[in-house]
Amino acid sequence: MPPMQSTAYKITTSRNAFGDHLLTTTTHPLPCHFRDMTTTQIGGTNETITTSALVWFSPDSGIIKNDIISVDGVYFKIDSVIKAKRLRDSTVLFLKCGLIKYGKQDI
């Protein structure tokens, strides 16, 4: 995989008694490939899934679904994580993540 050209910051959050995310001052920079785009997919049950952006991370980045990241000052929630592998190989080459815009006021 070529060198990552962007940087995403994994935002450390906690939750209050009501389940709301609270922003902490801790961020973790992660190299990535980032593509700002909007796509809409319609599933087999007519379920609509909208993705605001896509980002690719190395497999050891520690990113999981529902993490909050910041790219160029815009906040996103990781909505999906796909582990990319070669056919008949169990080695994960990279993580492809679908993102949903997540307002800073929601953190």
N, C-alpha and C. Protein backbone atom coordinates (compact mmCIF):
# COMPACT_ATOMS: atom_id res chain seq x y z
N MET A 1 0.84 -1.17 0.00
CA MET A 1 0.00 0.00 0.00
C MET A 1 0.89 1.24 0.00
N PRO A 2 0.60 2.25 -0.86
CA PRO A 2 1.43 3.46 -0.90
C PRO A 2 1.32 4.25 0.40
N PRO A 3 2.24 5.18 0.64
CA PRO A 3 2.18 5.96 1.88
C PRO A 3 0.87 6.73 1.99
N MET A 4 0.38 6.84 3.21
CA MET A 4 -0.85 7.58 3.47
C MET A 4 -0.59 9.08 3.29
N GLN A 5 -1.53 9.80 2.68
CA GLN A 5 -1.30 11.19 2.34
C GLN A 5 -2.05 12.18 3.22
N SER A 6 -2.93 11.73 4.07
CA SER A 6 -3.69 12.61 4.95
C SER A 6 -3.50 12.17 6.40
N THR A 7 -4.01 12.99 7.30
CA THR A 7 -3.97 12.64 8.72
C THR A 7 -5.37 12.80 9.30
N ALA A 8 -5.83 11.76 9.96
CA ALA A 8 -7.09 11.81 10.71
C ALA A 8 -6.72 11.79 12.19
N TYR A 9 -7.54 12.41 12.99
CA TYR A 9 -7.30 12.44 14.43
C TYR A 9 -8.43 11.68 15.12
N LYS A 10 -8.08 10.59 15.78
CA LYS A 10 -9.06 9.82 16.54
C LYS A 10 -9.36 10.61 17.81
N ILE A 11 -10.62 10.92 18.03
CA ILE A 11 -11.04 11.74 19.15
C ILE A 11 -11.44 10.83 20.31
N THR A 12 -10.85 11.09 21.46
CA THR A 12 -11.20 10.33 22.65
C THR A 12 -12.42 10.99 23.29
N THR A 13 -13.45 10.22 23.50
CA THR A 13 -14.68 10.75 24.11
C THR A 13 -15.05 9.90 25.32
N SER A 14 -15.88 10.48 26.14
CA SER A 14 -16.49 9.73 27.24
C SER A 14 -17.98 10.03 27.15
N ARG A 15 -18.76 9.38 27.99
CA ARG A 15 -20.21 9.59 27.96
C ARG A 15 -20.68 10.08 29.32
N ASN A 16 -21.68 10.97 29.29
CA ASN A 16 -22.26 11.43 30.54
C ASN A 16 -23.40 10.50 30.96
N ALA A 17 -24.08 10.85 32.03
CA ALA A 17 -25.15 10.01 32.57
C ALA A 17 -26.30 9.80 31.59
N PHE A 18 -26.43 10.70 30.59
CA PHE A 18 -27.51 10.61 29.62
C PHE A 18 -27.08 9.89 28.34
N GLY A 19 -25.81 9.44 28.28
CA GLY A 19 -25.31 8.73 27.11
C GLY A 19 -24.74 9.62 26.04
N ASP A 20 -24.67 10.94 26.28
CA ASP A 20 -24.12 11.87 25.31
C ASP A 20 -22.60 11.79 25.30
N HIS A 21 -21.99 11.94 24.10
CA HIS A 21 -20.53 11.97 23.99
C HIS A 21 -20.00 13.27 24.56
N LEU A 22 -18.92 13.19 25.31
CA LEU A 22 -18.22 14.36 25.81
C LEU A 22 -16.81 14.34 25.25
N LEU A 23 -16.39 15.44 24.63
CA LEU A 23 -15.08 15.54 24.02
C LEU A 23 -14.02 15.69 25.10
N THR A 24 -12.95 14.93 24.98
CA THR A 24 -11.79 15.14 25.84
C THR A 24 -10.72 15.82 24.99
N THR A 25 -9.66 16.24 25.59
CA THR A 25 -8.63 16.96 24.85
C THR A 25 -7.65 16.01 24.17
N THR A 26 -7.80 14.72 24.35
CA THR A 26 -6.87 13.75 23.78
C THR A 26 -7.25 13.41 22.35
N THR A 27 -6.29 13.56 21.44
CA THR A 27 -6.48 13.12 20.06
C THR A 27 -5.28 12.28 19.67
N HIS A 28 -5.49 11.35 18.77
CA HIS A 28 -4.43 10.46 18.31
C HIS A 28 -4.32 10.59 16.79
N PRO A 29 -3.21 11.14 16.26
CA PRO A 29 -3.07 11.27 14.80
C PRO A 29 -2.86 9.90 14.15
N LEU A 30 -3.56 9.69 13.04
CA LEU A 30 -3.45 8.44 12.29
C LEU A 30 -3.28 8.76 10.80
N PRO A 31 -2.24 8.24 10.15
CA PRO A 31 -2.12 8.44 8.71
C PRO A 31 -3.25 7.72 7.99
N CYS A 32 -3.73 8.32 6.90
CA CYS A 32 -4.87 7.73 6.18
C CYS A 32 -4.92 8.26 4.75
N HIS A 33 -5.78 7.65 3.95
CA HIS A 33 -6.23 8.20 2.67
C HIS A 33 -7.66 8.63 2.93
N PHE A 34 -8.02 9.86 2.53
CA PHE A 34 -9.35 10.40 2.81
C PHE A 34 -9.98 10.86 1.51
N ARG A 35 -11.27 10.57 1.36
CA ARG A 35 -12.03 11.04 0.20
C ARG A 35 -13.37 11.56 0.67
N ASP A 36 -13.58 12.86 0.50
CA ASP A 36 -14.83 13.51 0.89
C ASP A 36 -15.82 13.32 -0.26
N MET A 37 -16.90 12.65 0.02
CA MET A 37 -17.90 12.35 -1.00
C MET A 37 -19.20 11.95 -0.32
N THR A 38 -20.27 11.97 -1.05
CA THR A 38 -21.54 11.49 -0.53
C THR A 38 -22.05 10.41 -1.45
N THR A 39 -22.35 9.24 -0.89
CA THR A 39 -22.92 8.16 -1.68
C THR A 39 -24.17 7.66 -0.98
N THR A 40 -25.08 7.15 -1.74
CA THR A 40 -26.29 6.55 -1.19
C THR A 40 -26.44 5.16 -1.76
N GLN A 41 -26.61 4.19 -0.88
CA GLN A 41 -26.82 2.81 -1.31
C GLN A 41 -28.19 2.37 -0.83
N ILE A 42 -28.88 1.61 -1.65
CA ILE A 42 -30.17 1.06 -1.26
C ILE A 42 -30.00 -0.44 -1.17
N GLY A 43 -30.24 -0.97 0.03
CA GLY A 43 -30.07 -2.39 0.29
C GLY A 43 -31.24 -3.21 -0.23
N GLY A 44 -31.18 -4.51 -0.01
CA GLY A 44 -32.21 -5.42 -0.49
C GLY A 44 -33.57 -5.20 0.14
N THR A 45 -33.61 -4.58 1.31
CA THR A 45 -34.90 -4.32 1.97
C THR A 45 -35.29 -2.85 1.85
N ASN A 46 -34.77 -2.19 0.78
CA ASN A 46 -35.01 -0.77 0.53
C ASN A 46 -34.50 0.12 1.66
N GLU A 47 -33.51 -0.37 2.38
CA GLU A 47 -32.87 0.43 3.41
C GLU A 47 -31.87 1.37 2.73
N THR A 48 -31.93 2.66 3.06
CA THR A 48 -31.04 3.64 2.47
C THR A 48 -29.88 3.91 3.41
N ILE A 49 -28.68 3.81 2.88
CA ILE A 49 -27.48 4.08 3.66
C ILE A 49 -26.73 5.22 2.98
N THR A 50 -26.50 6.31 3.70
CA THR A 50 -25.78 7.45 3.15
C THR A 50 -24.43 7.56 3.82
N THR A 51 -23.38 7.69 3.02
CA THR A 51 -22.03 7.85 3.52
C THR A 51 -21.53 9.23 3.12
N SER A 52 -20.96 9.97 4.08
CA SER A 52 -20.46 11.33 3.81
C SER A 52 -19.06 11.32 3.22
N ALA A 53 -18.24 10.34 3.60
CA ALA A 53 -16.85 10.28 3.15
C ALA A 53 -16.34 8.85 3.32
N LEU A 54 -15.20 8.58 2.70
CA LEU A 54 -14.52 7.30 2.86
C LEU A 54 -13.10 7.58 3.34
N VAL A 55 -12.58 6.67 4.15
CA VAL A 55 -11.21 6.81 4.63
C VAL A 55 -10.59 5.41 4.71
N TRP A 56 -9.31 5.33 4.40
CA TRP A 56 -8.58 4.07 4.45
C TRP A 56 -7.47 4.19 5.48
N PHE A 57 -7.38 3.21 6.39
CA PHE A 57 -6.37 3.18 7.44
C PHE A 57 -5.54 1.90 7.32
N SER A 58 -4.36 1.91 7.93
CA SER A 58 -3.59 0.68 8.02
C SER A 58 -4.30 -0.28 8.97
N PRO A 59 -4.10 -1.58 8.83
CA PRO A 59 -4.84 -2.55 9.64
C PRO A 59 -4.52 -2.48 11.13
N ASP A 60 -3.41 -1.88 11.50
CA ASP A 60 -3.05 -1.79 12.92
C ASP A 60 -3.40 -0.43 13.55
N SER A 61 -4.28 0.32 12.91
CA SER A 61 -4.64 1.66 13.38
C SER A 61 -5.49 1.66 14.65
N GLY A 62 -6.18 0.55 14.91
CA GLY A 62 -7.03 0.49 16.09
C GLY A 62 -8.41 1.11 15.90
N ILE A 63 -8.75 1.44 14.67
CA ILE A 63 -10.06 2.05 14.37
C ILE A 63 -11.14 0.99 14.41
N ILE A 64 -12.26 1.33 15.05
CA ILE A 64 -13.42 0.44 15.09
C ILE A 64 -14.68 1.24 14.78
N LYS A 65 -15.75 0.54 14.49
CA LYS A 65 -17.04 1.17 14.21
C LYS A 65 -17.45 2.05 15.39
N ASN A 66 -18.03 3.19 15.11
CA ASN A 66 -18.53 4.19 16.06
C ASN A 66 -17.45 5.08 16.66
N ASP A 67 -16.18 4.91 16.26
CA ASP A 67 -15.15 5.86 16.68
C ASP A 67 -15.46 7.21 16.06
N ILE A 68 -15.01 8.28 16.72
CA ILE A 68 -15.15 9.64 16.21
C ILE A 68 -13.77 10.08 15.73
N ILE A 69 -13.70 10.61 14.49
CA ILE A 69 -12.44 11.12 13.98
C ILE A 69 -12.64 12.54 13.45
N SER A 70 -11.54 13.24 13.32
CA SER A 70 -11.54 14.58 12.74
C SER A 70 -10.56 14.60 11.58
N VAL A 71 -10.99 15.12 10.43
CA VAL A 71 -10.13 15.29 9.27
C VAL A 71 -10.31 16.71 8.78
N ASP A 72 -9.23 17.47 8.75
CA ASP A 72 -9.28 18.87 8.33
C ASP A 72 -10.32 19.67 9.11
N GLY A 73 -10.46 19.38 10.40
CA GLY A 73 -11.37 20.13 11.26
C GLY A 73 -12.83 19.71 11.18
N VAL A 74 -13.15 18.71 10.36
CA VAL A 74 -14.52 18.22 10.24
C VAL A 74 -14.61 16.89 10.99
N TYR A 75 -15.66 16.74 11.78
CA TYR A 75 -15.83 15.54 12.60
C TYR A 75 -16.70 14.52 11.88
N PHE A 76 -16.30 13.24 12.00
CA PHE A 76 -17.03 12.14 11.39
C PHE A 76 -17.15 11.00 12.40
N LYS A 77 -18.21 10.23 12.24
CA LYS A 77 -18.39 8.99 13.01
C LYS A 77 -18.15 7.83 12.05
N ILE A 78 -17.34 6.85 12.46
CA ILE A 78 -17.08 5.68 11.63
C ILE A 78 -18.35 4.83 11.62
N ASP A 79 -18.94 4.69 10.44
CA ASP A 79 -20.21 3.97 10.30
C ASP A 79 -20.01 2.52 9.89
N SER A 80 -18.94 2.26 9.14
CA SER A 80 -18.68 0.89 8.71
C SER A 80 -17.17 0.69 8.58
N VAL A 81 -16.73 -0.54 8.84
CA VAL A 81 -15.32 -0.89 8.70
C VAL A 81 -15.25 -2.18 7.89
N ILE A 82 -14.54 -2.13 6.78
CA ILE A 82 -14.36 -3.31 5.93
C ILE A 82 -12.88 -3.67 5.97
N LYS A 83 -12.59 -4.91 6.33
CA LYS A 83 -11.22 -5.40 6.35
C LYS A 83 -10.89 -5.93 4.96
N ALA A 84 -9.99 -5.25 4.27
CA ALA A 84 -9.63 -5.63 2.90
C ALA A 84 -8.58 -6.73 2.92
N LYS A 85 -8.89 -7.83 2.23
CA LYS A 85 -7.98 -8.98 2.15
C LYS A 85 -7.91 -9.44 0.69
N ARG A 86 -6.85 -10.10 0.35
CA ARG A 86 -6.75 -10.73 -0.96
C ARG A 86 -7.56 -12.03 -0.93
N LEU A 87 -7.99 -12.46 -2.09
CA LEU A 87 -8.75 -13.69 -2.22
C LEU A 87 -7.94 -14.86 -1.66
N ARG A 88 -8.54 -15.65 -0.82
CA ARG A 88 -7.94 -16.83 -0.19
C ARG A 88 -6.72 -16.50 0.68
N ASP A 89 -6.72 -15.31 1.27
CA ASP A 89 -5.64 -14.91 2.17
C ASP A 89 -6.26 -14.24 3.39
N SER A 90 -5.78 -14.57 4.57
CA SER A 90 -6.37 -14.02 5.79
C SER A 90 -5.68 -12.75 6.26
N THR A 91 -4.64 -12.29 5.57
CA THR A 91 -3.92 -11.09 5.96
C THR A 91 -4.74 -9.85 5.60
N VAL A 92 -4.99 -8.99 6.59
CA VAL A 92 -5.71 -7.73 6.35
C VAL A 92 -4.72 -6.72 5.80
N LEU A 93 -5.01 -6.17 4.62
CA LEU A 93 -4.13 -5.21 3.97
C LEU A 93 -4.39 -3.78 4.41
N PHE A 94 -5.67 -3.44 4.57
CA PHE A 94 -6.05 -2.10 5.03
C PHE A 94 -7.50 -2.14 5.49
N LEU A 95 -7.93 -1.07 6.18
CA LEU A 95 -9.31 -0.92 6.63
C LEU A 95 -9.96 0.18 5.80
N LYS A 96 -11.09 -0.12 5.19
CA LYS A 96 -11.86 0.87 4.45
C LYS A 96 -13.07 1.23 5.31
N CYS A 97 -13.22 2.51 5.63
CA CYS A 97 -14.27 2.94 6.55
C CYS A 97 -15.23 3.92 5.88
N GLY A 98 -16.52 3.70 6.08
CA GLY A 98 -17.53 4.66 5.68
C GLY A 98 -17.76 5.63 6.83
N LEU A 99 -17.88 6.91 6.50
CA LEU A 99 -18.02 7.95 7.53
C LEU A 99 -19.34 8.69 7.38
N ILE A 100 -19.86 9.15 8.51
CA ILE A 100 -21.03 10.03 8.54
C ILE A 100 -20.61 11.30 9.25
N LYS A 101 -20.94 12.46 8.67
CA LYS A 101 -20.58 13.73 9.31
C LYS A 101 -21.19 13.78 10.69
N TYR A 102 -20.41 14.30 11.61
CA TYR A 102 -20.79 14.29 13.03
C TYR A 102 -20.45 15.65 13.56
N GLY A 103 -21.47 16.47 13.85
CA GLY A 103 -21.23 17.83 14.31
C GLY A 103 -20.51 17.87 15.64
N LYS A 104 -19.60 18.85 15.77
CA LYS A 104 -18.84 18.98 17.02
C LYS A 104 -19.77 19.19 18.20
N GLN A 105 -20.92 19.82 17.96
CA GLN A 105 -21.87 20.01 19.04
C GLN A 105 -22.45 18.71 19.53
N ASP A 106 -22.34 17.63 18.73
CA ASP A 106 -22.84 16.32 19.15
C ASP A 106 -21.86 15.59 20.05
N ILE A 107 -20.65 16.11 20.17
CA ILE A 107 -19.63 15.43 20.98
C ILE A 107 -19.67 15.99 22.39
